[in-house]
Amino acid sequence: MLRHLSIRDFVIVATLDIDFDPGFTVFSGETGAGKSILIDALALTLGARGDASVVRTDQARADITAEFSTHPLVVQWLDEHALTQDADSVMLRRVIDSNGRSRAFINGTPATLAQLREVGEMLVDIHGQHAHQLLMRPDAQRELFDTHAQLLDTAGAVNRLWRAMRDAQQAVETAQTRDRELQLERERLAWQLSEFDKLAPQPGEWEEVSAEHHRLSHSASLIDGVQGALGALSESDEAMISQLGAIISKVRGLADIDPALNDVLASLEPAEIQLQEASYSLSHYAQRLELDPDRLAQVERRMDQLHSTARKFRLQPESLPEEHDERRRQLAALDAAADLDALNAAAEKAQGEYLAQAKVLSKARAKAAKNLSKAVTEGMQELSMAGGSFDVALVPLAEGGANGLEQIEFRVAGHAGVALRPLAKVASGGELARISLALAVIASTASPTPTLIFDEVDTGIGGGVAEVVGRLLHQLGRDRQVLCVTHLPQVAARGDQHFQVAKSSDDAGGTVSTVKQLDRAKRVEEVARMLGGLEITATTRKHAKEMLAA
């Protein structure tokens, strides 16, 4: 659940720190006081997009931090992403500078917005004040239904298989319409591949041939130089090794007289060994050295072949082996693309896999549709829509689609004896708001998210229905943490915690939003204000006390 929210210089909020408790928490206040601003600030810590416009006027940055209790899914996610974690809490932070630069942190470690959104979906579910308007869109209806039915993974698999099927079908169509073009391309690649096959370049060959050519073309210099070095070291009358041996022998005799010369002897003896080893190595090398004009001519011909082919294809000689493999791969791909039988078989296989998974999804949707239809219909009775009914219709699609074999369509009958019709066509504003609320509450019971936020979802509701709404949200708060921005006194009176949001002027004459938690007496005043407007009478106070007592 949400434990603490800290806001600095966000829109019209200067400084705000709020501690939250479990249960049902309500926020109320005058229109424009900034109630929904709190939800917007929290949404930024959950990965929502933001820009420089959210920074309070004349300030350098907006800074929002939200602390949540963790649960096993969040702990697992933090471990998988190697993010430092507290024993029982997770801290999400978002900083947006006045130049629009945005930074995100999870437990103090820099994070991406995608990571914030990913962990945020496991912590909070926000039902916005325009949720009932979204229900007019078919895609929103499908997403809400699949989310409630816990079918998002299955629907995602169907979507991937549909795309694979379309790609396979497109490959068939391309092969049929581009047959001549593909044939010309194949001939070009086949000729290029034959040239490469004749050359047969090997990985690293250019470097090896270049090194051998350099050595062979300088064989005479190498022979002369090595023989000269061998003579100086060991084969001439005044060879260095002989002279050094004589010096070591003499110093060894002197060291017998004065042991102080042992240090000199210890330096000279390794030098003699190293000179002897160098002489042996040079001698071994000299045995392998010879002038080989035939081999030199052979290497030069190979270099010329490699260089000519590279120039023909406008390549670097060292890249010829990789290009050889690439031409082979491209030709194989073209051969596969031109094989209509294989392409048709692949398309049929992809279609079969798609239909199999889509049928699994359809079966699960049919079962979930009955349950959701029944639950929302029952909720409508409580929300003063007696005799009304709700139905999740699965409208078959002739050839299926990216989201399955059917379209999800919410249908409603506002009264008994009225035929079910699409929600977007028949529901009034008030009915739509009530149905949206029923869906939100019912869908929330199936979600594992510990914190639910309702941002003015009770718009368009009043009277006895508002009392039912307050009771439903309060009941939901027994199992979850529920935060609700509301303008209805019937809902506010049901809160376990009540915060009042108000606007005032700061020392510079600007507008700031403040939030304070209300005690029992102040709650009476606030509920009375919500009941009677600016002028609070004894009657409205009495009514407010009765509502809070209930």
Protein backbone atom coordinates (compact mmCIF):
# COMPACT_ATOMS: atom_id res chain seq x y z
CA MET A 1 0.00 0.00 0.00
CA LEU A 2 0.96 3.67 -0.31
CA ARG A 3 2.60 4.80 2.93
CA HIS A 4 3.85 8.30 2.22
CA LEU A 5 3.70 10.88 -0.55
CA SER A 6 6.13 13.82 -0.69
CA ILE A 7 5.64 16.61 -3.26
CA ARG A 8 7.87 19.60 -3.89
CA ASP A 9 7.07 22.46 -6.33
CA PHE A 10 4.55 20.58 -8.46
CA VAL A 11 2.04 22.80 -10.35
CA ILE A 12 0.49 24.78 -7.47
CA VAL A 13 1.80 22.56 -4.65
CA ALA A 14 4.81 24.07 -2.90
CA THR A 15 5.53 21.52 -0.17
CA LEU A 16 3.40 18.56 0.81
CA ASP A 17 3.99 15.46 2.93
CA ILE A 18 1.14 13.01 3.53
CA ASP A 19 1.14 9.76 5.51
CA PHE A 20 -1.47 7.20 4.48
CA ASP A 21 -3.21 4.44 6.40
CA PRO A 22 -4.94 1.30 5.19
CA GLY A 23 -8.65 1.39 4.41
CA PHE A 24 -10.70 4.01 2.59
CA THR A 25 -9.19 7.51 2.28
CA VAL A 26 -11.09 10.43 0.73
CA PHE A 27 -9.92 13.80 -0.62
CA SER A 28 -12.39 16.66 -0.91
CA GLY A 29 -12.25 20.39 -1.53
CA GLU A 30 -13.53 23.22 -3.67
CA THR A 31 -13.39 22.90 -7.45
CA GLY A 32 -9.92 23.86 -8.68
CA ALA A 33 -8.31 23.42 -5.25
CA GLY A 34 -5.95 20.81 -6.64
CA LYS A 35 -7.49 17.49 -5.62
CA SER A 36 -6.63 15.74 -8.86
CA ILE A 37 -3.18 17.35 -8.87
CA LEU A 38 -2.23 14.94 -6.08
CA ILE A 39 -3.18 11.99 -8.27
CA ASP A 40 -1.25 13.49 -11.19
CA ALA A 41 1.83 13.85 -8.99
CA LEU A 42 1.57 10.25 -7.81
CA ALA A 43 1.10 9.12 -11.42
CA LEU A 44 4.50 10.64 -12.29
CA THR A 45 6.19 8.34 -9.76
CA LEU A 46 4.40 5.47 -11.49
CA GLY A 47 5.92 6.29 -14.87
CA ALA A 48 3.42 8.74 -16.39
CA ARG A 49 4.81 11.25 -18.87
CA GLY A 50 5.57 14.76 -17.67
CA ASP A 51 7.17 17.93 -18.97
CA ALA A 52 8.38 21.31 -17.76
CA SER A 53 4.79 22.57 -17.39
CA VAL A 54 4.40 20.58 -14.14
CA VAL A 55 7.14 22.60 -12.40
CA ARG A 56 5.77 25.33 -10.14
CA THR A 57 6.30 28.84 -11.47
CA ASP A 58 9.81 30.26 -10.88
CA GLN A 59 11.12 27.00 -9.41
CA ALA A 60 14.01 24.87 -10.65
CA ARG A 61 12.35 21.47 -10.49
CA ALA A 62 9.43 19.39 -9.32
CA ASP A 63 10.32 16.50 -7.01
CA ILE A 64 7.83 13.76 -6.08
CA THR A 65 8.56 10.72 -3.91
CA ALA A 66 6.15 7.89 -3.06
CA GLU A 67 6.87 5.16 -0.51
CA PHE A 68 4.98 1.86 -0.73
CA SER A 69 4.83 -1.34 1.24
CA THR A 70 6.11 -4.22 -0.85
CA HIS A 71 4.55 -7.58 -1.64
CA PRO A 72 6.11 -10.80 -3.06
CA LEU A 73 5.70 -9.83 -6.74
CA VAL A 74 7.44 -6.48 -6.16
CA VAL A 75 10.25 -8.10 -4.15
CA GLN A 76 10.82 -10.61 -6.95
CA TRP A 77 10.83 -7.83 -9.55
CA LEU A 78 13.38 -5.79 -7.56
CA ASP A 79 15.64 -8.84 -7.24
CA GLU A 80 15.45 -9.55 -10.97
CA HIS A 81 16.45 -5.96 -11.78
CA ALA A 82 19.20 -5.82 -9.13
CA LEU A 83 17.65 -2.78 -7.47
CA THR A 84 18.51 -2.13 -3.83
CA GLN A 85 15.54 -2.80 -1.62
CA ASP A 86 14.43 -2.23 1.93
CA ALA A 87 13.02 -5.11 3.92
CA ASP A 88 9.41 -4.03 3.55
CA SER A 89 9.19 -0.90 1.40
CA VAL A 90 9.96 0.46 -2.05
CA MET A 91 10.65 4.12 -2.83
CA LEU A 92 9.72 5.61 -6.22
CA ARG A 93 10.98 9.11 -7.06
CA ARG A 94 10.57 11.39 -10.06
CA VAL A 95 12.36 14.69 -10.66
CA ILE A 96 11.44 16.99 -13.56
CA ASP A 97 13.57 20.09 -14.16
CA SER A 98 12.22 23.39 -15.47
CA ASN A 99 13.99 22.69 -18.78
CA GLY A 100 11.92 19.52 -19.19
CA ARG A 101 14.62 17.01 -18.24
CA SER A 102 13.17 14.04 -16.34
CA ARG A 103 14.89 11.62 -13.98
CA ALA A 104 13.51 8.55 -12.23
CA PHE A 105 14.74 6.56 -9.23
CA ILE A 106 13.77 3.30 -7.55
CA ASN A 107 15.09 2.99 -3.99
CA GLY A 108 17.62 5.71 -4.81
CA THR A 109 18.96 3.94 -7.92
CA PRO A 110 18.47 5.64 -11.33
CA ALA A 111 15.74 3.88 -13.33
CA THR A 112 13.88 4.22 -16.62
CA LEU A 113 10.26 5.30 -17.02
CA ALA A 114 9.51 1.82 -18.34
CA GLN A 115 10.79 0.35 -15.07
CA LEU A 116 8.69 2.82 -13.05
CA ARG A 117 5.60 1.82 -15.04
CA GLU A 118 6.36 -1.86 -14.66
CA VAL A 119 6.71 -1.80 -10.88
CA GLY A 120 3.96 0.83 -10.57
CA GLU A 121 1.41 -1.51 -12.18
CA MET A 122 2.07 -3.96 -9.36
CA LEU A 123 1.50 -1.28 -6.69
CA VAL A 124 -1.33 1.03 -7.83
CA ASP A 125 -4.37 0.90 -10.09
CA ILE A 126 -5.75 4.35 -11.00
CA HIS A 127 -9.31 4.80 -12.24
CA GLY A 128 -9.39 8.28 -13.73
CA GLN A 129 -12.25 10.76 -13.75
CA HIS A 130 -12.75 10.17 -17.48
CA ALA A 131 -12.90 6.38 -17.18
CA HIS A 132 -16.59 6.31 -18.11
CA GLN A 133 -15.79 8.18 -21.34
CA LEU A 134 -13.15 5.59 -22.25
CA LEU A 135 -15.86 2.92 -22.11
CA MET A 136 -17.22 4.35 -25.35
CA ARG A 137 -14.16 2.96 -27.16
CA PRO A 138 -14.18 -0.71 -28.27
CA ASP A 139 -10.49 -1.17 -27.52
CA ALA A 140 -10.98 0.15 -23.96
CA GLN A 141 -13.85 -2.30 -23.44
CA ARG A 142 -11.71 -5.20 -24.66
CA GLU A 143 -8.73 -4.21 -22.50
CA LEU A 144 -10.87 -3.79 -19.37
CA PHE A 145 -12.59 -7.13 -19.97
CA ASP A 146 -9.35 -9.06 -20.64
CA THR A 147 -7.72 -7.44 -17.61
CA HIS A 148 -10.64 -8.42 -15.37
CA ALA A 149 -10.63 -11.97 -16.78
CA GLN A 150 -6.84 -12.20 -16.34
CA LEU A 151 -6.47 -13.00 -20.04
CA LEU A 152 -3.89 -10.38 -21.01
CA ASP A 153 -1.11 -12.97 -21.42
CA THR A 154 -3.30 -15.22 -23.58
CA ALA A 155 -4.47 -12.24 -25.64
CA GLY A 156 -0.85 -11.15 -26.07
CA ALA A 157 0.08 -14.62 -27.36
CA VAL A 158 -2.81 -14.47 -29.84
CA ASN A 159 -1.63 -11.06 -31.03
CA ARG A 160 1.92 -12.34 -31.63
CA LEU A 161 0.66 -15.40 -33.52
CA TRP A 162 -1.62 -13.20 -35.64
CA ARG A 163 1.33 -11.01 -36.63
CA ALA A 164 3.37 -14.11 -37.48
CA MET A 165 0.50 -15.39 -39.61
CA ARG A 166 0.19 -12.07 -41.44
CA ASP A 167 3.96 -12.03 -42.09
CA ALA A 168 3.79 -15.55 -43.55
CA GLN A 169 0.83 -14.62 -45.73
CA GLN A 170 2.61 -11.46 -46.87
CA ALA A 171 5.63 -13.55 -47.85
CA VAL A 172 3.39 -15.66 -50.12
CA GLU A 173 1.89 -12.55 -51.70
CA THR A 174 5.32 -11.00 -52.22
CA ALA A 175 6.66 -14.15 -53.88
CA GLN A 176 3.68 -14.22 -56.23
CA THR A 177 3.80 -10.55 -57.25
CA ARG A 178 7.59 -10.13 -57.39
CA ASP A 179 8.51 -13.37 -59.13
CA ARG A 180 10.41 -11.69 -62.03
CA GLU A 181 12.17 -9.22 -59.76
CA LEU A 182 13.19 -11.97 -57.36
CA GLN A 183 14.50 -14.08 -60.26
CA LEU A 184 16.76 -11.25 -61.45
CA GLU A 185 18.04 -10.69 -57.94
CA ARG A 186 18.67 -14.41 -57.58
CA GLU A 187 20.70 -14.49 -60.82
CA ARG A 188 22.80 -11.56 -59.65
CA LEU A 189 23.51 -13.21 -56.30
CA ALA A 190 24.21 -16.58 -57.94
CA TRP A 191 26.87 -14.98 -60.18
CA GLN A 192 28.44 -13.17 -57.24
CA LEU A 193 28.45 -16.35 -55.18
CA SER A 194 30.14 -18.30 -58.02
CA GLU A 195 32.90 -15.66 -58.08
CA PHE A 196 33.39 -16.00 -54.35
CA ASP A 197 33.29 -19.81 -54.55
CA LYS A 198 36.08 -19.82 -57.18
CA LEU A 199 38.16 -17.52 -54.97
CA ALA A 200 37.27 -19.43 -51.76
CA PRO A 201 38.58 -16.75 -49.36
CA GLN A 202 39.35 -18.00 -45.86
CA PRO A 203 38.95 -16.10 -42.55
CA GLY A 204 42.16 -14.24 -41.76
CA GLU A 205 43.71 -15.23 -45.11
CA TRP A 206 44.46 -11.69 -46.29
CA GLU A 207 46.40 -10.90 -43.14
CA GLU A 208 48.35 -14.19 -43.34
CA VAL A 209 49.20 -13.80 -47.05
CA SER A 210 50.24 -10.16 -46.55
CA ALA A 211 52.55 -11.14 -43.70
CA GLU A 212 54.11 -13.99 -45.71
CA HIS A 213 54.62 -11.76 -48.74
CA HIS A 214 56.36 -9.17 -46.61
CA ARG A 215 58.69 -11.84 -45.18
CA LEU A 216 59.48 -13.52 -48.50
CA SER A 217 60.17 -10.22 -50.27
CA HIS A 218 62.76 -9.40 -47.62
CA SER A 219 64.38 -12.86 -47.40
CA ALA A 220 67.83 -11.66 -48.54
CA SER A 221 67.91 -8.94 -45.90
CA LEU A 222 66.78 -11.41 -43.26
CA ILE A 223 69.48 -13.94 -44.20
CA ASP A 224 72.26 -11.34 -44.16
CA GLY A 225 71.10 -9.83 -40.91
CA VAL A 226 70.73 -13.15 -39.08
CA GLN A 227 74.14 -14.43 -40.23
CA GLY A 228 75.74 -11.19 -39.11
CA ALA A 229 74.11 -11.42 -35.70
CA LEU A 230 75.16 -15.07 -35.30
CA GLY A 231 78.74 -14.17 -36.20
CA ALA A 232 78.85 -11.39 -33.64
CA LEU A 233 77.38 -13.58 -30.97
CA SER A 234 79.09 -16.93 -31.36
CA GLU A 235 80.78 -17.73 -34.67
CA SER A 236 83.46 -15.05 -35.18
CA ASP A 237 86.92 -14.99 -33.62
CA GLU A 238 85.85 -12.18 -31.34
CA ALA A 239 82.34 -13.56 -30.56
CA MET A 240 80.56 -11.87 -27.68
CA ILE A 241 79.74 -15.15 -25.94
CA SER A 242 83.41 -16.25 -25.92
CA GLN A 243 84.57 -12.92 -24.61
CA LEU A 244 81.91 -12.84 -21.92
CA GLY A 245 82.84 -16.42 -20.91
CA ALA A 246 86.41 -15.39 -20.46
CA ILE A 247 85.42 -12.39 -18.36
CA ILE A 248 83.18 -14.55 -16.14
CA SER A 249 85.98 -17.09 -15.63
CA LYS A 250 88.38 -14.35 -14.57
CA VAL A 251 85.86 -12.71 -12.18
CA ARG A 252 85.04 -16.13 -10.68
CA GLY A 253 88.72 -16.57 -9.79
CA LEU A 254 88.86 -13.08 -8.28
CA ALA A 255 85.73 -13.79 -6.24
CA ASP A 256 87.53 -16.62 -4.56
CA ILE A 257 89.96 -14.00 -3.27
CA ASP A 258 87.30 -11.37 -2.41
CA PRO A 259 83.67 -12.59 -1.98
CA ALA A 260 82.50 -9.01 -2.54
CA LEU A 261 82.75 -9.76 -6.30
CA ASN A 262 80.03 -12.42 -6.07
CA ASP A 263 77.39 -9.75 -6.80
CA VAL A 264 79.15 -8.91 -10.07
CA LEU A 265 79.38 -12.58 -10.92
CA ALA A 266 75.64 -13.00 -10.23
CA SER A 267 74.89 -10.31 -12.84
CA LEU A 268 77.25 -11.65 -15.51
CA GLU A 269 76.28 -15.34 -15.46
CA PRO A 270 72.56 -14.79 -16.45
CA ALA A 271 73.76 -12.49 -19.26
CA GLU A 272 75.88 -15.35 -20.65
CA ILE A 273 72.89 -17.72 -20.53
CA GLN A 274 70.64 -15.23 -22.30
CA LEU A 275 73.22 -14.62 -25.07
CA GLN A 276 73.54 -18.38 -25.61
CA GLU A 277 69.75 -18.78 -25.84
CA ALA A 278 69.54 -15.91 -28.34
CA SER A 279 72.29 -17.57 -30.40
CA TYR A 280 70.43 -20.92 -30.42
CA SER A 281 67.19 -19.19 -31.51
CA LEU A 282 68.93 -17.30 -34.33
CA SER A 283 70.62 -20.47 -35.49
CA HIS A 284 67.30 -22.35 -35.59
CA TYR A 285 65.69 -19.46 -37.47
CA ALA A 286 68.58 -19.32 -39.97
CA GLN A 287 68.08 -23.02 -40.82
CA ARG A 288 64.53 -22.25 -42.01
CA LEU A 289 65.49 -19.18 -43.99
CA GLU A 290 65.98 -19.53 -47.71
CA LEU A 291 65.36 -17.57 -50.88
CA ASP A 292 62.16 -19.00 -52.44
CA PRO A 293 61.20 -17.01 -55.56
CA ASP A 294 58.60 -19.64 -56.58
CA ARG A 295 56.74 -19.30 -53.29
CA LEU A 296 57.02 -15.52 -53.50
CA ALA A 297 55.43 -15.57 -56.98
CA GLN A 298 52.67 -17.88 -55.72
CA VAL A 299 51.87 -15.58 -52.79
CA GLU A 300 51.86 -12.53 -55.07
CA ARG A 301 49.37 -14.23 -57.41
CA ARG A 302 47.06 -15.01 -54.45
CA MET A 303 47.28 -11.45 -53.20
CA ASP A 304 46.41 -10.19 -56.66
CA GLN A 305 43.36 -12.53 -56.81
CA LEU A 306 42.09 -11.37 -53.44
CA HIS A 307 42.70 -7.72 -54.22
CA SER A 308 41.04 -7.90 -57.68
CA THR A 309 37.89 -9.56 -56.31
CA ALA A 310 37.69 -7.03 -53.49
CA ARG A 311 38.01 -4.18 -55.99
CA LYS A 312 35.36 -5.75 -58.26
CA PHE A 313 32.81 -5.80 -55.43
CA ARG A 314 34.07 -2.57 -53.85
CA LEU A 315 35.11 -4.28 -50.63
CA GLN A 316 38.12 -4.43 -48.38
CA PRO A 317 40.20 -7.61 -48.97
CA GLU A 318 39.98 -8.65 -45.32
CA SER A 319 36.14 -8.63 -45.49
CA LEU A 320 35.89 -11.13 -48.37
CA PRO A 321 35.18 -14.23 -46.20
CA GLU A 322 32.32 -12.48 -44.38
CA GLU A 323 30.88 -11.22 -47.67
CA HIS A 324 31.11 -14.74 -49.10
CA ASP A 325 28.98 -16.05 -46.22
CA GLU A 326 26.56 -13.12 -46.59
CA ARG A 327 26.00 -13.82 -50.32
CA ARG A 328 25.39 -17.47 -49.51
CA ARG A 329 22.83 -16.51 -46.86
CA GLN A 330 21.08 -14.01 -49.13
CA LEU A 331 20.78 -16.54 -51.96
CA ALA A 332 19.38 -19.14 -49.57
CA ALA A 333 16.82 -16.60 -48.35
CA LEU A 334 15.81 -15.79 -51.94
CA ASP A 335 15.51 -19.48 -52.77
CA ALA A 336 13.24 -19.87 -49.75
CA ALA A 337 11.23 -16.80 -50.75
CA ALA A 338 10.75 -18.21 -54.24
CA ASP A 339 9.61 -21.60 -52.93
CA LEU A 340 5.84 -21.06 -53.04
CA ASP A 341 5.07 -24.53 -51.75
CA ALA A 342 7.21 -23.99 -48.67
CA LEU A 343 5.81 -20.48 -48.16
CA ASN A 344 2.23 -21.72 -48.42
CA ALA A 345 2.98 -24.51 -45.98
CA ALA A 346 4.50 -22.02 -43.53
CA ALA A 347 1.47 -19.72 -43.89
CA GLU A 348 -0.93 -22.61 -43.25
CA LYS A 349 1.07 -23.67 -40.20
CA ALA A 350 1.07 -20.10 -38.83
CA GLN A 351 -2.68 -19.85 -39.41
CA GLY A 352 -3.26 -23.13 -37.61
CA GLU A 353 -1.23 -22.00 -34.59
CA TYR A 354 -3.10 -18.70 -34.52
CA LEU A 355 -6.54 -20.34 -34.71
CA ALA A 356 -5.67 -22.88 -32.01
CA GLN A 357 -4.57 -20.20 -29.54
CA ALA A 358 -7.42 -17.86 -30.53
CA LYS A 359 -9.97 -20.62 -29.81
CA VAL A 360 -8.45 -21.08 -26.35
CA LEU A 361 -8.87 -17.34 -25.79
CA SER A 362 -12.46 -17.40 -27.09
CA LYS A 363 -13.41 -20.21 -24.74
CA ALA A 364 -11.95 -18.41 -21.73
CA ARG A 365 -13.63 -15.15 -22.78
CA ALA A 366 -17.02 -16.86 -23.08
CA LYS A 367 -16.78 -18.11 -19.51
CA ALA A 368 -15.54 -14.78 -18.14
CA ALA A 369 -18.23 -12.85 -20.08
CA LYS A 370 -21.01 -14.68 -18.24
CA ASN A 371 -19.45 -13.96 -14.85
CA LEU A 372 -18.82 -10.28 -15.54
CA SER A 373 -22.27 -9.78 -17.08
CA LYS A 374 -23.91 -11.24 -13.98
CA ALA A 375 -21.76 -9.23 -11.55
CA VAL A 376 -22.30 -5.87 -13.30
CA THR A 377 -26.05 -6.53 -13.66
CA GLU A 378 -26.25 -7.10 -9.89
CA GLY A 379 -24.24 -3.94 -9.31
CA MET A 380 -26.64 -1.95 -11.48
CA GLN A 381 -29.55 -2.92 -9.22
CA GLU A 382 -27.71 -1.44 -6.25
CA LEU A 383 -26.92 1.71 -8.23
CA SER A 384 -30.60 2.59 -8.83
CA MET A 385 -30.85 0.92 -12.22
CA ALA A 386 -33.51 -1.58 -11.13
CA GLY A 387 -34.43 -4.04 -13.85
CA GLY A 388 -31.42 -3.02 -15.94
CA SER A 389 -28.99 -5.56 -17.28
CA PHE A 390 -25.47 -5.70 -18.63
CA ASP A 391 -23.99 -8.12 -21.13
CA VAL A 392 -20.53 -8.73 -22.51
CA ALA A 393 -21.18 -9.70 -26.12
CA LEU A 394 -18.56 -11.62 -28.08
CA VAL A 395 -19.22 -10.54 -31.67
CA PRO A 396 -17.61 -13.02 -34.12
CA LEU A 397 -15.18 -11.67 -36.71
CA ALA A 398 -15.27 -13.31 -40.12
CA GLU A 399 -11.52 -13.95 -40.36
CA GLY A 400 -10.37 -13.15 -36.86
CA GLY A 401 -8.04 -10.31 -36.00
CA ALA A 402 -5.05 -9.25 -33.96
CA ASN A 403 -7.07 -9.50 -30.76
CA GLY A 404 -8.82 -12.80 -31.39
CA LEU A 405 -11.80 -14.29 -33.19
CA GLU A 406 -14.31 -11.87 -31.70
CA GLN A 407 -14.84 -8.24 -30.84
CA ILE A 408 -15.74 -7.38 -27.25
CA GLU A 409 -18.84 -5.23 -27.03
CA PHE A 410 -20.48 -4.04 -23.81
CA ARG A 411 -24.26 -3.95 -24.10
CA VAL A 412 -26.75 -2.51 -21.63
CA ALA A 413 -30.45 -2.26 -21.01
CA GLY A 414 -31.21 0.59 -18.61
CA HIS A 415 -34.63 -0.73 -17.60
CA ALA A 416 -36.61 -3.94 -17.51
CA GLY A 417 -38.16 -4.93 -20.83
CA VAL A 418 -35.68 -2.88 -22.89
CA ALA A 419 -33.53 -4.70 -25.42
CA LEU A 420 -29.78 -4.80 -24.89
CA ARG A 421 -27.94 -2.35 -27.11
CA PRO A 422 -24.28 -1.22 -27.39
CA LEU A 423 -23.23 0.79 -24.36
CA ALA A 424 -21.86 3.65 -26.46
CA LYS A 425 -25.23 4.19 -28.14
CA VAL A 426 -27.81 3.99 -25.36
CA ALA A 427 -26.33 4.91 -21.98
CA SER A 428 -26.92 8.42 -20.65
CA GLY A 429 -24.13 10.28 -18.87
CA GLY A 430 -25.39 9.26 -15.43
CA GLU A 431 -25.94 5.65 -16.43
CA LEU A 432 -22.53 5.48 -18.03
CA ALA A 433 -20.89 6.83 -14.87
CA ARG A 434 -22.70 4.25 -12.71
CA ILE A 435 -21.89 1.34 -15.00
CA SER A 436 -18.25 2.50 -15.19
CA LEU A 437 -18.08 2.59 -11.40
CA ALA A 438 -19.63 -0.87 -11.09
CA LEU A 439 -17.08 -2.19 -13.58
CA ALA A 440 -14.22 -0.49 -11.77
CA VAL A 441 -15.21 -1.95 -8.39
CA ILE A 442 -15.84 -5.43 -9.78
CA ALA A 443 -12.65 -5.44 -11.84
CA SER A 444 -10.68 -4.27 -8.81
CA THR A 445 -11.78 -7.27 -6.76
CA ALA A 446 -10.10 -9.54 -9.33
CA SER A 447 -6.86 -7.52 -9.38
CA PRO A 448 -3.95 -8.25 -6.99
CA THR A 449 -2.99 -4.54 -6.91
CA PRO A 450 -2.94 -3.43 -3.25
CA THR A 451 -3.76 0.28 -3.78
CA LEU A 452 -6.75 1.50 -5.80
CA ILE A 453 -7.31 5.16 -6.66
CA PHE A 454 -10.63 6.58 -7.87
CA ASP A 455 -10.30 10.10 -9.23
CA GLU A 456 -13.79 11.67 -9.32
CA VAL A 457 -15.31 8.52 -10.82
CA ASP A 458 -18.54 9.47 -9.04
CA THR A 459 -19.15 12.38 -11.43
CA GLY A 460 -22.78 12.41 -12.58
CA ILE A 461 -23.97 10.48 -9.52
CA GLY A 462 -26.03 11.83 -6.64
CA GLY A 463 -28.78 11.16 -4.14
CA GLY A 464 -29.31 7.61 -2.95
CA VAL A 465 -26.91 6.27 -5.57
CA ALA A 466 -24.11 8.28 -3.97
CA GLU A 467 -24.75 6.50 -0.66
CA VAL A 468 -24.44 3.15 -2.41
CA VAL A 469 -21.21 4.28 -4.06
CA GLY A 470 -19.78 5.33 -0.72
CA ARG A 471 -20.73 1.98 0.80
CA LEU A 472 -19.18 0.04 -2.11
CA LEU A 473 -15.89 1.93 -1.88
CA HIS A 474 -15.81 1.56 1.89
CA GLN A 475 -16.36 -2.20 1.54
CA LEU A 476 -13.58 -2.36 -1.02
CA GLY A 477 -11.33 -0.56 1.48
CA ARG A 478 -11.64 -3.47 3.91
CA ASP A 479 -9.42 -5.61 1.66
CA ARG A 480 -7.43 -2.93 -0.19
CA GLN A 481 -6.15 0.56 0.34
CA VAL A 482 -8.63 2.79 -1.52
CA LEU A 483 -8.00 6.49 -2.24
CA CYS A 484 -10.85 8.52 -3.67
CA VAL A 485 -11.08 12.12 -4.88
CA THR A 486 -14.75 13.01 -4.50
CA HIS A 487 -17.24 15.88 -4.47
CA LEU A 488 -20.04 13.82 -2.90
CA PRO A 489 -20.68 14.14 0.84
CA GLN A 490 -22.19 10.65 0.89
CA VAL A 491 -18.86 9.23 -0.30
CA ALA A 492 -16.69 11.51 1.86
CA ALA A 493 -18.62 10.51 4.99
CA ARG A 494 -17.64 6.87 4.45
CA GLY A 495 -13.88 7.53 4.56
CA ASP A 496 -11.65 6.07 7.25
CA GLN A 497 -9.30 9.00 6.57
CA HIS A 498 -10.39 12.39 5.25
CA PHE A 499 -8.10 15.02 3.72
CA GLN A 500 -9.22 18.49 2.68
CA VAL A 501 -7.52 20.20 -0.28
CA ALA A 502 -7.63 24.02 -0.36
CA LYS A 503 -6.17 26.90 -2.34
CA SER A 504 -4.52 29.95 -0.79
CA SER A 505 -2.06 32.70 -1.68
CA ASP A 506 1.61 32.59 -0.78
CA ASP A 507 3.78 35.53 0.28
CA ALA A 508 4.60 36.34 -3.36
CA GLY A 509 0.93 36.56 -4.30
CA GLY A 510 0.91 33.21 -6.13
CA THR A 511 -1.61 30.42 -5.67
CA VAL A 512 -0.66 27.32 -3.69
CA SER A 513 -2.56 24.18 -2.84
CA THR A 514 -2.49 22.79 0.69
CA VAL A 515 -3.73 19.51 2.16
CA LYS A 516 -4.66 18.83 5.76
CA GLN A 517 -6.07 15.80 7.51
CA LEU A 518 -9.42 16.43 9.20
CA ASP A 519 -10.36 15.40 12.71
CA ARG A 520 -13.94 14.58 13.67
CA ALA A 521 -15.08 18.18 14.20
CA LYS A 522 -13.51 19.44 10.98
CA ARG A 523 -14.97 16.53 9.05
CA VAL A 524 -18.42 17.68 10.16
CA GLU A 525 -17.69 21.14 8.75
CA GLU A 526 -16.34 19.76 5.46
CA VAL A 527 -19.22 17.34 4.90
CA ALA A 528 -21.64 20.17 5.78
CA ARG A 529 -19.93 22.37 3.18
CA MET A 530 -20.26 19.62 0.60
CA LEU A 531 -23.95 19.32 1.49
CA GLY A 532 -24.88 22.98 1.58
CA GLY A 533 -22.27 24.98 -0.30
CA LEU A 534 -20.61 28.12 1.05
CA GLU A 535 -23.24 28.87 3.69
CA ILE A 536 -23.18 26.23 6.39
CA THR A 537 -26.29 26.11 8.58
CA ALA A 538 -27.18 24.22 11.71
CA THR A 539 -29.32 21.94 9.59
CA THR A 540 -26.48 21.00 7.29
CA ARG A 541 -24.18 20.43 10.27
CA LYS A 542 -26.79 18.15 11.84
CA HIS A 543 -27.16 16.26 8.59
CA ALA A 544 -23.38 15.96 8.30
CA LYS A 545 -23.13 14.54 11.84
CA GLU A 546 -25.82 12.00 11.02
CA MET A 547 -24.02 10.92 7.84
CA LEU A 548 -20.72 10.51 9.68
CA ALA A 549 -22.38 8.66 12.53
CA ALA A 550 -23.97 6.24 10.06
